Amino acid sequence: MSYTANMAESQKRYRATEKGGQKYRDRMREYMAVYRERRKQSSDYDLDEERRKWRKQHQRLREKAIDRLGGRQCANCGCNEFSLLEINHINGGGQAAAKIKSHRQLCRDIINGKVELRDYNVLCRICNALHYVQDILKVKGHSVMWRAKQILKQ
């Protein structure tokens, strides 16, 4: 093996350790902050285009995570309107988890198998709220039924 190949392998092993991984993440955070600032100063920078790319990327990530959790329909009522679907923490704690990691990171963790999939499911916004009311707050008497796709797009 050449010197550069040995060095690359050594760096890869170091980054795999906890200390090396943390140093690498810190260095990359600093680098990306500087890169983003330089990018904003560039003459070809378009904020609306950057936002559009970010939204599209986030949408694809969300689709993959929801597909991994069982598909693009509510586990409770069968709603299949993708814009209404959410990732639900079955045992509660979604708000607390959001303070620790972003929704984007949760989607990545689901896709990469870094979390227990049985702790999450896909619910529509209404059923997710109903889950909170019934299972977390222990208030009974509500129900939800999805009849058909009747959402009018303007």
N, C-alpha and C. Protein backbone atom coordinates (compact mmCIF):
# COMPACT_ATOMS: atom_id res chain seq x y z
N MET A 1 0.83 -1.18 0.00
CA MET A 1 0.00 0.00 0.00
C MET A 1 0.87 1.25 0.00
N SER A 2 0.40 2.27 -0.65
CA SER A 2 1.17 3.51 -0.70
C SER A 2 0.99 4.29 0.60
N TYR A 3 1.84 5.29 0.75
CA TYR A 3 1.80 6.12 1.94
C TYR A 3 0.45 6.80 2.08
N THR A 4 -0.10 7.36 0.99
CA THR A 4 -1.39 8.06 1.07
C THR A 4 -2.53 7.11 1.41
N ALA A 5 -2.48 5.89 0.89
CA ALA A 5 -3.52 4.92 1.21
C ALA A 5 -3.46 4.53 2.69
N ASN A 6 -2.22 4.35 3.21
CA ASN A 6 -2.06 4.05 4.64
C ASN A 6 -2.58 5.19 5.50
N MET A 7 -2.27 6.43 5.09
CA MET A 7 -2.70 7.60 5.85
C MET A 7 -4.22 7.71 5.83
N ALA A 8 -4.83 7.48 4.68
CA ALA A 8 -6.29 7.56 4.57
C ALA A 8 -6.94 6.50 5.46
N GLU A 9 -6.39 5.30 5.47
CA GLU A 9 -6.93 4.24 6.31
C GLU A 9 -6.77 4.58 7.79
N SER A 10 -5.66 5.15 8.15
CA SER A 10 -5.41 5.56 9.53
C SER A 10 -6.41 6.64 9.97
N GLN A 11 -6.64 7.61 9.10
CA GLN A 11 -7.60 8.67 9.42
C GLN A 11 -9.01 8.11 9.54
N LYS A 12 -9.35 7.17 8.69
CA LYS A 12 -10.66 6.54 8.74
C LYS A 12 -10.87 5.81 10.08
N ARG A 13 -9.84 5.09 10.52
CA ARG A 13 -9.93 4.39 11.81
C ARG A 13 -10.05 5.40 12.96
N TYR A 14 -9.30 6.50 12.89
CA TYR A 14 -9.36 7.52 13.94
C TYR A 14 -10.75 8.15 14.01
N ARG A 15 -11.34 8.45 12.85
CA ARG A 15 -12.68 9.05 12.84
C ARG A 15 -13.73 8.08 13.36
N ALA A 16 -13.44 6.79 13.31
CA ALA A 16 -14.38 5.79 13.80
C ALA A 16 -14.40 5.75 15.34
N THR A 17 -13.37 6.29 15.98
CA THR A 17 -13.37 6.36 17.44
C THR A 17 -14.25 7.52 17.89
N GLU A 18 -14.67 7.50 19.15
CA GLU A 18 -15.54 8.56 19.66
C GLU A 18 -14.84 9.93 19.63
N LYS A 19 -13.60 9.97 20.11
CA LYS A 19 -12.86 11.22 20.13
C LYS A 19 -12.61 11.75 18.72
N GLY A 20 -12.15 10.87 17.84
CA GLY A 20 -11.87 11.27 16.47
C GLY A 20 -13.12 11.70 15.73
N GLY A 21 -14.21 11.00 15.97
CA GLY A 21 -15.47 11.34 15.33
C GLY A 21 -15.96 12.71 15.77
N GLN A 22 -15.83 12.99 17.07
CA GLN A 22 -16.27 14.29 17.58
C GLN A 22 -15.41 15.42 17.02
N LYS A 23 -14.09 15.21 16.99
CA LYS A 23 -13.20 16.23 16.42
C LYS A 23 -13.52 16.49 14.95
N TYR A 24 -13.80 15.41 14.21
CA TYR A 24 -14.14 15.54 12.79
C TYR A 24 -15.45 16.32 12.62
N ARG A 25 -16.46 15.97 13.42
CA ARG A 25 -17.75 16.68 13.33
C ARG A 25 -17.59 18.15 13.67
N ASP A 26 -16.81 18.45 14.70
CA ASP A 26 -16.59 19.85 15.08
C ASP A 26 -15.89 20.62 13.95
N ARG A 27 -14.87 19.99 13.38
CA ARG A 27 -14.15 20.64 12.29
C ARG A 27 -15.06 20.87 11.08
N MET A 28 -15.89 19.89 10.77
CA MET A 28 -16.80 20.02 9.63
C MET A 28 -17.87 21.08 9.89
N ARG A 29 -18.34 21.20 11.13
CA ARG A 29 -19.31 22.26 11.47
C ARG A 29 -18.71 23.63 11.22
N GLU A 30 -17.48 23.82 11.68
CA GLU A 30 -16.80 25.10 11.46
C GLU A 30 -16.60 25.36 9.97
N TYR A 31 -16.13 24.34 9.26
CA TYR A 31 -15.90 24.48 7.83
C TYR A 31 -17.19 24.84 7.10
N MET A 32 -18.29 24.15 7.42
CA MET A 32 -19.55 24.40 6.73
C MET A 32 -20.10 25.78 7.05
N ALA A 33 -19.89 26.27 8.26
CA ALA A 33 -20.34 27.62 8.61
C ALA A 33 -19.61 28.65 7.75
N VAL A 34 -18.31 28.49 7.62
CA VAL A 34 -17.52 29.40 6.78
C VAL A 34 -17.93 29.25 5.32
N TYR A 35 -18.13 28.00 4.86
CA TYR A 35 -18.53 27.76 3.49
C TYR A 35 -19.87 28.44 3.17
N ARG A 36 -20.84 28.30 4.09
CA ARG A 36 -22.16 28.92 3.86
C ARG A 36 -22.06 30.42 3.77
N GLU A 37 -21.21 31.01 4.63
CA GLU A 37 -21.02 32.47 4.57
C GLU A 37 -20.39 32.89 3.25
N ARG A 38 -19.36 32.17 2.82
CA ARG A 38 -18.73 32.47 1.52
C ARG A 38 -19.73 32.30 0.39
N ARG A 39 -20.56 31.27 0.47
CA ARG A 39 -21.56 31.00 -0.56
C ARG A 39 -22.58 32.14 -0.64
N LYS A 40 -22.99 32.67 0.51
CA LYS A 40 -23.96 33.77 0.52
C LYS A 40 -23.38 35.03 -0.11
N GLN A 41 -22.07 35.20 0.00
CA GLN A 41 -21.41 36.38 -0.58
C GLN A 41 -21.18 36.24 -2.08
N SER A 42 -21.33 35.03 -2.59
CA SER A 42 -21.09 34.76 -4.01
C SER A 42 -22.10 35.49 -4.88
N SER A 43 -21.69 35.87 -6.08
CA SER A 43 -22.57 36.61 -6.99
C SER A 43 -23.68 35.75 -7.57
N ASP A 44 -23.50 34.43 -7.62
CA ASP A 44 -24.53 33.56 -8.18
C ASP A 44 -25.43 32.92 -7.13
N TYR A 45 -25.39 33.43 -5.90
CA TYR A 45 -26.20 32.87 -4.81
C TYR A 45 -27.64 33.35 -4.93
N ASP A 46 -28.59 32.43 -4.88
CA ASP A 46 -30.01 32.74 -4.95
C ASP A 46 -30.70 32.08 -3.75
N LEU A 47 -31.13 32.87 -2.80
CA LEU A 47 -31.72 32.36 -1.57
C LEU A 47 -32.96 31.51 -1.85
N ASP A 48 -33.81 31.96 -2.76
CA ASP A 48 -35.02 31.19 -3.07
C ASP A 48 -34.69 29.84 -3.68
N GLU A 49 -33.68 29.79 -4.52
CA GLU A 49 -33.26 28.53 -5.12
C GLU A 49 -32.68 27.59 -4.06
N GLU A 50 -31.91 28.13 -3.13
CA GLU A 50 -31.35 27.32 -2.04
C GLU A 50 -32.47 26.73 -1.18
N ARG A 51 -33.46 27.54 -0.87
CA ARG A 51 -34.60 27.06 -0.07
C ARG A 51 -35.38 25.98 -0.81
N ARG A 52 -35.57 26.18 -2.11
CA ARG A 52 -36.29 25.20 -2.92
C ARG A 52 -35.55 23.86 -2.92
N LYS A 53 -34.23 23.90 -3.07
CA LYS A 53 -33.42 22.68 -3.04
C LYS A 53 -33.52 21.99 -1.68
N TRP A 54 -33.45 22.80 -0.60
CA TRP A 54 -33.51 22.24 0.74
C TRP A 54 -34.86 21.56 0.98
N ARG A 55 -35.94 22.23 0.57
CA ARG A 55 -37.28 21.65 0.75
C ARG A 55 -37.42 20.34 -0.03
N LYS A 56 -36.92 20.32 -1.25
CA LYS A 56 -37.01 19.11 -2.07
C LYS A 56 -36.21 17.97 -1.45
N GLN A 57 -35.02 18.30 -0.96
CA GLN A 57 -34.18 17.29 -0.31
C GLN A 57 -34.86 16.76 0.95
N HIS A 58 -35.44 17.65 1.74
CA HIS A 58 -36.12 17.25 2.97
C HIS A 58 -37.35 16.38 2.63
N GLN A 59 -38.07 16.72 1.59
CA GLN A 59 -39.23 15.94 1.16
C GLN A 59 -38.83 14.52 0.81
N ARG A 60 -37.74 14.35 0.06
CA ARG A 60 -37.27 13.01 -0.31
C ARG A 60 -36.85 12.21 0.94
N LEU A 61 -36.18 12.87 1.86
CA LEU A 61 -35.75 12.23 3.10
C LEU A 61 -36.97 11.77 3.90
N ARG A 62 -37.97 12.63 4.01
CA ARG A 62 -39.21 12.32 4.73
C ARG A 62 -39.95 11.16 4.08
N GLU A 63 -40.01 11.15 2.75
CA GLU A 63 -40.66 10.05 2.03
C GLU A 63 -39.98 8.72 2.33
N LYS A 64 -38.65 8.70 2.31
CA LYS A 64 -37.91 7.46 2.59
C LYS A 64 -38.18 6.98 4.01
N ALA A 65 -38.19 7.90 4.97
CA ALA A 65 -38.42 7.53 6.37
C ALA A 65 -39.83 6.97 6.55
N ILE A 66 -40.81 7.61 5.96
CA ILE A 66 -42.19 7.15 6.08
C ILE A 66 -42.36 5.80 5.39
N ASP A 67 -41.73 5.62 4.25
CA ASP A 67 -41.79 4.32 3.57
C ASP A 67 -41.16 3.23 4.44
N ARG A 68 -40.08 3.55 5.11
CA ARG A 68 -39.40 2.57 5.98
C ARG A 68 -40.27 2.18 7.18
N LEU A 69 -41.15 3.11 7.61
CA LEU A 69 -42.01 2.85 8.77
C LEU A 69 -43.31 2.13 8.40
N GLY A 70 -43.48 1.81 7.14
CA GLY A 70 -44.66 1.03 6.81
C GLY A 70 -45.49 1.58 5.67
N GLY A 71 -45.10 2.65 5.08
CA GLY A 71 -45.81 3.12 3.90
C GLY A 71 -46.49 4.46 4.08
N ARG A 72 -47.03 4.94 3.00
CA ARG A 72 -47.58 6.29 2.94
C ARG A 72 -49.07 6.32 3.23
N GLN A 73 -49.43 5.78 4.39
CA GLN A 73 -50.80 5.91 4.85
C GLN A 73 -50.84 5.81 6.36
N CYS A 74 -51.85 6.44 6.93
CA CYS A 74 -52.01 6.49 8.38
C CYS A 74 -52.26 5.08 8.91
N ALA A 75 -51.56 4.70 9.96
CA ALA A 75 -51.71 3.38 10.56
C ALA A 75 -53.04 3.24 11.28
N ASN A 76 -53.71 4.36 11.57
CA ASN A 76 -54.97 4.33 12.30
C ASN A 76 -56.18 4.38 11.38
N CYS A 77 -56.29 5.42 10.56
CA CYS A 77 -57.51 5.61 9.75
C CYS A 77 -57.30 5.31 8.27
N GLY A 78 -56.06 5.13 7.81
CA GLY A 78 -55.81 4.81 6.42
C GLY A 78 -55.66 6.02 5.51
N CYS A 79 -55.60 7.22 6.08
CA CYS A 79 -55.44 8.44 5.28
C CYS A 79 -54.17 8.31 4.44
N ASN A 80 -54.29 8.63 3.14
CA ASN A 80 -53.14 8.50 2.27
C ASN A 80 -52.72 9.83 1.64
N GLU A 81 -53.15 10.93 2.21
CA GLU A 81 -52.74 12.26 1.75
C GLU A 81 -51.38 12.56 2.39
N PHE A 82 -50.31 12.48 1.59
CA PHE A 82 -48.95 12.55 2.11
C PHE A 82 -48.69 13.82 2.91
N SER A 83 -49.26 14.94 2.50
CA SER A 83 -49.01 16.20 3.21
C SER A 83 -49.55 16.18 4.63
N LEU A 84 -50.47 15.27 4.95
CA LEU A 84 -51.03 15.17 6.29
C LEU A 84 -50.31 14.17 7.18
N LEU A 85 -49.43 13.37 6.62
CA LEU A 85 -48.79 12.29 7.38
C LEU A 85 -47.64 12.81 8.23
N GLU A 86 -47.50 12.22 9.41
CA GLU A 86 -46.45 12.59 10.36
C GLU A 86 -45.84 11.32 10.95
N ILE A 87 -44.63 11.45 11.45
CA ILE A 87 -43.98 10.37 12.18
C ILE A 87 -44.36 10.52 13.64
N ASN A 88 -44.96 9.47 14.20
CA ASN A 88 -45.46 9.50 15.57
C ASN A 88 -44.55 8.70 16.49
N HIS A 89 -44.27 9.25 17.66
CA HIS A 89 -43.55 8.53 18.70
C HIS A 89 -44.61 7.73 19.47
N ILE A 90 -44.64 6.44 19.33
CA ILE A 90 -45.70 5.61 19.91
C ILE A 90 -45.79 5.78 21.43
N ASN A 91 -44.67 5.86 22.11
CA ASN A 91 -44.67 5.98 23.57
C ASN A 91 -44.65 7.42 24.05
N GLY A 92 -44.91 8.37 23.17
CA GLY A 92 -44.86 9.78 23.53
C GLY A 92 -43.42 10.28 23.54
N GLY A 93 -43.25 11.54 23.90
CA GLY A 93 -41.92 12.10 24.01
C GLY A 93 -41.41 12.78 22.75
N GLY A 94 -42.28 13.04 21.80
CA GLY A 94 -41.86 13.66 20.55
C GLY A 94 -41.35 15.08 20.73
N GLN A 95 -42.01 15.84 21.62
CA GLN A 95 -41.56 17.22 21.86
C GLN A 95 -40.19 17.24 22.51
N ALA A 96 -39.97 16.37 23.47
CA ALA A 96 -38.66 16.30 24.13
C ALA A 96 -37.59 15.85 23.15
N ALA A 97 -37.93 14.91 22.27
CA ALA A 97 -36.97 14.44 21.28
C ALA A 97 -36.62 15.54 20.29
N ALA A 98 -37.59 16.39 19.96
CA ALA A 98 -37.35 17.48 19.00
C ALA A 98 -36.37 18.51 19.56
N LYS A 99 -36.26 18.61 20.87
CA LYS A 99 -35.30 19.53 21.47
C LYS A 99 -33.87 18.99 21.37
N ILE A 100 -33.75 17.67 21.27
CA ILE A 100 -32.44 17.04 21.20
C ILE A 100 -31.94 16.93 19.77
N LYS A 101 -32.82 16.49 18.87
CA LYS A 101 -32.42 16.35 17.46
C LYS A 101 -33.54 16.83 16.55
N SER A 102 -33.15 17.27 15.39
CA SER A 102 -34.11 17.82 14.43
C SER A 102 -34.94 16.70 13.79
N HIS A 103 -36.05 17.09 13.18
CA HIS A 103 -36.88 16.14 12.46
C HIS A 103 -36.08 15.50 11.33
N ARG A 104 -35.25 16.31 10.72
CA ARG A 104 -34.41 15.82 9.61
C ARG A 104 -33.47 14.71 10.10
N GLN A 105 -32.89 14.89 11.28
CA GLN A 105 -31.99 13.88 11.84
C GLN A 105 -32.77 12.63 12.23
N LEU A 106 -33.99 12.80 12.74
CA LEU A 106 -34.83 11.65 13.07
C LEU A 106 -35.10 10.84 11.81
N CYS A 107 -35.42 11.51 10.71
CA CYS A 107 -35.65 10.81 9.44
C CYS A 107 -34.41 10.04 9.02
N ARG A 108 -33.24 10.66 9.14
CA ARG A 108 -31.99 9.97 8.78
C ARG A 108 -31.78 8.74 9.66
N ASP A 109 -32.04 8.89 10.96
CA ASP A 109 -31.86 7.77 11.88
C ASP A 109 -32.81 6.62 11.55
N ILE A 110 -34.04 6.94 11.16
CA ILE A 110 -35.00 5.91 10.78
C ILE A 110 -34.52 5.19 9.52
N ILE A 111 -34.09 5.94 8.53
CA ILE A 111 -33.62 5.36 7.27
C ILE A 111 -32.41 4.47 7.50
N ASN A 112 -31.48 4.92 8.34
CA ASN A 112 -30.23 4.19 8.57
C ASN A 112 -30.35 3.13 9.65
N GLY A 113 -31.53 2.96 10.24
CA GLY A 113 -31.74 1.93 11.25
C GLY A 113 -31.06 2.22 12.57
N LYS A 114 -30.87 3.48 12.91
CA LYS A 114 -30.21 3.84 14.17
C LYS A 114 -31.19 3.97 15.33
N VAL A 115 -32.48 3.80 15.05
CA VAL A 115 -33.51 3.84 16.10
C VAL A 115 -34.36 2.58 15.98
N GLU A 116 -35.06 2.25 17.05
CA GLU A 116 -35.97 1.11 17.03
C GLU A 116 -37.22 1.50 16.25
N LEU A 117 -37.47 0.84 15.13
CA LEU A 117 -38.61 1.18 14.29
C LEU A 117 -39.94 0.92 14.99
N ARG A 118 -39.95 -0.02 15.94
CA ARG A 118 -41.21 -0.32 16.64
C ARG A 118 -41.64 0.83 17.56
N ASP A 119 -40.76 1.80 17.82
CA ASP A 119 -41.10 2.95 18.66
C ASP A 119 -41.77 4.07 17.87
N TYR A 120 -41.89 3.90 16.56
CA TYR A 120 -42.47 4.93 15.68
C TYR A 120 -43.49 4.32 14.75
N ASN A 121 -44.45 5.14 14.33
CA ASN A 121 -45.35 4.74 13.27
C ASN A 121 -45.77 5.99 12.49
N VAL A 122 -46.55 5.79 11.44
CA VAL A 122 -47.01 6.89 10.60
C VAL A 122 -48.47 7.13 10.90
N LEU A 123 -48.79 8.36 11.28
CA LEU A 123 -50.17 8.76 11.52
C LEU A 123 -50.44 10.07 10.80
N CYS A 124 -51.71 10.31 10.44
CA CYS A 124 -52.06 11.62 9.91
C CYS A 124 -52.09 12.61 11.08
N ARG A 125 -52.13 13.88 10.79
CA ARG A 125 -52.09 14.89 11.85
C ARG A 125 -53.23 14.72 12.85
N ILE A 126 -54.41 14.37 12.35
CA ILE A 126 -55.57 14.23 13.21
C ILE A 126 -55.40 13.03 14.14
N CYS A 127 -55.01 11.89 13.59
CA CYS A 127 -54.80 10.70 14.42
C CYS A 127 -53.63 10.88 15.38
N ASN A 128 -52.61 11.63 14.98
CA ASN A 128 -51.49 11.91 15.87
C ASN A 128 -51.98 12.72 17.07
N ALA A 129 -52.82 13.71 16.81
CA ALA A 129 -53.40 14.50 17.91
C ALA A 129 -54.29 13.62 18.77
N LEU A 130 -55.07 12.76 18.13
CA LEU A 130 -55.95 11.84 18.86
C LEU A 130 -55.12 10.89 19.73
N HIS A 131 -54.01 10.39 19.20
CA HIS A 131 -53.11 9.53 19.97
C HIS A 131 -52.63 10.25 21.22
N TYR A 132 -52.28 11.51 21.08
CA TYR A 132 -51.82 12.30 22.23
C TYR A 132 -52.94 12.46 23.25
N VAL A 133 -54.13 12.79 22.79
CA VAL A 133 -55.27 13.00 23.69
C VAL A 133 -55.64 11.71 24.40
N GLN A 134 -55.74 10.60 23.66
CA GLN A 134 -56.20 9.34 24.26
C GLN A 134 -55.12 8.63 25.06
N ASP A 135 -53.94 8.48 24.50
CA ASP A 135 -52.92 7.64 25.14
C ASP A 135 -52.03 8.39 26.13
N ILE A 136 -51.78 9.66 25.86
CA ILE A 136 -50.89 10.41 26.74
C ILE A 136 -51.69 11.15 27.82
N LEU A 137 -52.74 11.86 27.40
CA LEU A 137 -53.57 12.61 28.36
C LEU A 137 -54.67 11.75 28.99
N LYS A 138 -54.93 10.57 28.44
CA LYS A 138 -55.93 9.62 28.94
C LYS A 138 -57.36 10.17 28.89
N VAL A 139 -57.70 10.90 27.82
CA VAL A 139 -59.05 11.40 27.60
C VAL A 139 -59.67 10.53 26.51
N LYS A 140 -60.78 9.88 26.81
CA LYS A 140 -61.40 8.94 25.86
C LYS A 140 -62.64 9.57 25.23
N GLY A 141 -63.12 8.96 24.15
CA GLY A 141 -64.38 9.37 23.54
C GLY A 141 -64.26 9.98 22.16
N HIS A 142 -63.07 10.07 21.60
CA HIS A 142 -62.89 10.63 20.26
C HIS A 142 -62.61 9.51 19.27
N SER A 143 -62.98 9.73 18.02
CA SER A 143 -62.65 8.77 16.97
C SER A 143 -62.45 9.52 15.65
N VAL A 144 -61.75 8.88 14.72
CA VAL A 144 -61.45 9.47 13.42
C VAL A 144 -61.76 8.44 12.35
N MET A 145 -62.32 8.90 11.23
CA MET A 145 -62.59 8.00 10.11
C MET A 145 -62.23 8.71 8.81
N TRP A 146 -61.44 8.07 7.99
CA TRP A 146 -61.02 8.62 6.69
C TRP A 146 -61.93 7.98 5.65
N ARG A 147 -62.72 8.79 4.97
CA ARG A 147 -63.65 8.26 3.98
C ARG A 147 -63.00 8.08 2.62
N ALA A 148 -62.52 9.17 2.08
CA ALA A 148 -61.90 9.12 0.75
C ALA A 148 -61.06 10.36 0.57
N LYS A 149 -60.29 10.36 -0.45
CA LYS A 149 -59.44 11.53 -0.74
C LYS A 149 -60.33 12.63 -1.32
N GLN A 150 -60.69 13.59 -0.48
CA GLN A 150 -61.59 14.66 -0.89
C GLN A 150 -60.94 16.03 -0.75
N ILE A 151 -59.64 16.08 -0.71
CA ILE A 151 -58.95 17.36 -0.55
C ILE A 151 -58.88 18.04 -1.91
N LEU A 152 -59.34 19.29 -1.96
CA LEU A 152 -59.31 20.06 -3.19
C LEU A 152 -58.00 20.83 -3.28
N LYS A 153 -57.28 20.62 -4.35
CA LYS A 153 -56.02 21.35 -4.54
C LYS A 153 -56.29 22.57 -5.38
N GLN A 154 -55.79 23.70 -4.93
CA GLN A 154 -56.03 24.96 -5.63
C GLN A 154 -54.85 25.35 -6.47
